[in-house]
Protein backbone atom coordinates (compact mmCIF):
# COMPACT_ATOMS: atom_id res chain seq x y z
CA MET A 1 0.00 0.00 0.00
CA ALA A 2 1.36 3.43 -0.94
CA ASP A 3 2.27 6.00 1.69
CA LYS A 4 -0.26 8.87 1.86
CA SER A 5 2.46 11.51 1.81
CA ASN A 6 3.79 10.17 -1.52
CA ASP A 7 0.44 9.25 -3.05
CA PRO A 8 -0.21 11.61 -6.01
CA VAL A 9 -4.00 11.13 -5.79
CA ALA A 10 -4.03 12.11 -2.10
CA ILE A 11 -1.85 15.15 -2.82
CA TRP A 12 -4.18 16.12 -5.70
CA GLN A 13 -7.27 15.76 -3.47
CA THR A 14 -5.67 17.88 -0.74
CA MET A 15 -4.68 20.57 -3.25
CA ILE A 16 -8.16 20.67 -4.79
CA GLY A 17 -9.76 20.83 -1.31
CA GLU A 18 -7.59 23.78 -0.31
CA MET A 19 -8.28 25.58 -3.60
CA GLU A 20 -12.01 25.04 -3.09
CA LYS A 21 -11.88 26.45 0.45
CA GLY A 22 -9.98 29.52 -0.79
CA PHE A 23 -12.40 30.09 -3.67
CA ASN A 24 -15.42 29.72 -1.37
CA SER A 25 -14.07 32.24 1.13
CA PHE A 26 -13.26 34.71 -1.69
CA ALA A 27 -16.73 34.26 -3.24
CA ASN A 28 -18.45 34.71 0.14
CA GLN A 29 -16.48 37.92 0.73
CA ALA A 30 -17.29 39.22 -2.75
CA MET A 31 -21.01 38.44 -2.43
CA THR A 32 -21.34 40.41 0.82
CA SER A 33 -20.11 43.63 -0.80
CA PRO A 34 -22.75 46.14 -2.03
CA GLU A 35 -20.91 46.55 -5.35
CA PHE A 36 -21.42 42.88 -6.14
CA SER A 37 -25.15 43.00 -5.45
CA LYS A 38 -25.47 46.20 -7.50
CA SER A 39 -23.64 44.69 -10.47
CA MET A 40 -25.67 41.45 -10.23
CA ASN A 41 -28.86 43.50 -10.19
CA GLN A 42 -27.75 45.36 -13.32
CA VAL A 43 -26.81 42.12 -15.07
CA GLY A 44 -30.19 40.61 -14.15
CA GLY A 45 -32.02 43.65 -15.51
CA ALA A 46 -30.02 43.60 -18.73
CA THR A 47 -30.66 39.88 -19.14
CA ALA A 48 -34.41 40.31 -18.61
CA GLY A 49 -34.51 43.16 -21.15
CA ALA A 50 -32.55 41.15 -23.69
CA GLN A 51 -34.81 38.14 -23.17
CA LYS A 52 -37.95 40.25 -23.71
CA GLN A 53 -36.44 41.83 -26.81
CA LEU A 54 -35.50 38.41 -28.19
CA GLY A 55 -39.03 37.13 -27.50
CA ASP A 56 -40.57 40.08 -29.36
CA LEU A 57 -38.17 39.60 -32.25
CA MET A 58 -38.93 35.86 -32.39
CA GLU A 59 -42.68 36.53 -32.41
CA LYS A 60 -42.30 38.99 -35.30
CA TYR A 61 -40.21 36.43 -37.17
CA LEU A 62 -42.81 33.70 -36.65
CA VAL A 63 -45.59 36.02 -37.81
CA SER A 64 -43.61 36.85 -40.95
CA MET A 65 -43.13 33.11 -41.58
CA ASN A 66 -46.88 32.59 -41.05
CA LEU A 67 -46.23 30.33 -38.03
CA PRO A 68 -47.99 30.50 -34.66
CA SER A 69 -46.15 31.98 -31.70
CA ARG A 70 -45.87 30.28 -28.31
CA ALA A 71 -48.71 32.40 -26.92
CA GLN A 72 -50.94 31.42 -29.85
CA MET A 73 -50.09 27.73 -29.38
CA VAL A 74 -50.90 27.97 -25.67
CA GLY A 75 -54.21 29.63 -26.55
CA MET A 76 -55.04 26.87 -29.03
CA ALA A 77 -54.13 24.19 -26.49
CA GLU A 78 -56.43 25.79 -23.91
CA ARG A 79 -59.28 25.97 -26.42
CA LEU A 80 -58.72 22.33 -27.40
CA GLN A 81 -58.84 21.28 -23.76
CA SER A 82 -62.10 23.17 -23.35
CA ILE A 83 -63.57 21.49 -26.44
CA GLU A 84 -62.40 18.06 -25.24
CA GLY A 85 -64.05 18.69 -21.88
CA GLN A 86 -67.33 19.61 -23.58
CA LEU A 87 -67.13 16.52 -25.80
CA ASN A 88 -66.57 14.34 -22.74
CA GLU A 89 -69.65 15.87 -21.10
CA ILE A 90 -71.71 15.21 -24.26
CA LYS A 91 -70.38 11.66 -24.38
CA ALA A 92 -71.34 11.07 -20.76
CA MET A 93 -74.84 12.42 -21.42
CA LEU A 94 -75.24 10.17 -24.48
CA HIS A 95 -74.17 7.11 -22.46
CA GLN A 96 -76.67 8.06 -19.78
CA VAL A 97 -79.47 8.45 -22.33
CA GLN A 98 -78.47 5.13 -23.93
CA ARG A 99 -78.62 3.36 -20.56
CA GLN A 100 -82.00 4.91 -19.83
CA SER A 101 -83.38 3.89 -23.23
CA ALA A 102 -81.98 0.37 -22.79
CA THR A 103 -83.77 0.01 -19.47
CA ALA A 104 -86.94 1.43 -21.06
CA ASP A 105 -86.63 -1.10 -23.92
CA ASN A 106 -86.20 -3.89 -21.39
CA ASP A 107 -89.30 -2.69 -19.54
CA TYR A 108 -91.20 -2.61 -22.84
CA ALA A 109 -89.86 -6.02 -23.89
CA GLY A 110 -90.98 -7.49 -20.59
CA ALA A 111 -94.62 -6.44 -21.19
CA PRO A 112 -96.87 -9.23 -22.48
CA ARG A 113 -97.59 -9.12 -26.20
CA PRO A 114 -101.04 -9.64 -27.63
CA PRO A 115 -101.59 -13.02 -29.28
CA ARG A 116 -101.19 -13.26 -33.04
CA THR A 117 -104.59 -14.05 -34.43
CA ARG A 118 -103.95 -13.36 -38.07
CA ARG A 119 -102.25 -16.03 -40.10
CA PRO A 120 -99.99 -15.32 -43.04
CA PRO A 121 -101.59 -15.93 -46.44
CA SER A 122 -101.20 -19.42 -47.85
CA ALA A 123 -99.55 -20.27 -51.16
CA ASP A 124 -102.89 -20.19 -53.11
CA GLY A 125 -103.59 -16.62 -51.86
CA GLY A 126 -106.37 -17.39 -49.44
CA GLN A 127 -106.53 -17.59 -45.70
CA LYS A 128 -106.86 -20.85 -43.86
């Protein structure tokens, strides 16, 4: 087994650990300063503005290409969901009406039928 003081992997891990501790302390110090928070706020504002501008530009491009924008697709999806919901309600009502008519048919089928007194005509055209 290799000695830990001569092990290159152990030396590398120790070096990386120390570098990480130093970077963390520097970053914590930098983040507590008001200049850092001011600059981060400016960067965030610039990023939000650029993102809005890119979104507007993309929407204009899609309109010029005769393609729907994200907002239009979301609107269509919401309308489709509404239509599907209405269709499901209609389907449920039709099933309910079908069940009711089936039970009504069964009630009608269970009623006694009058006897058949008429006979079909015979082959010579007269009745028997």
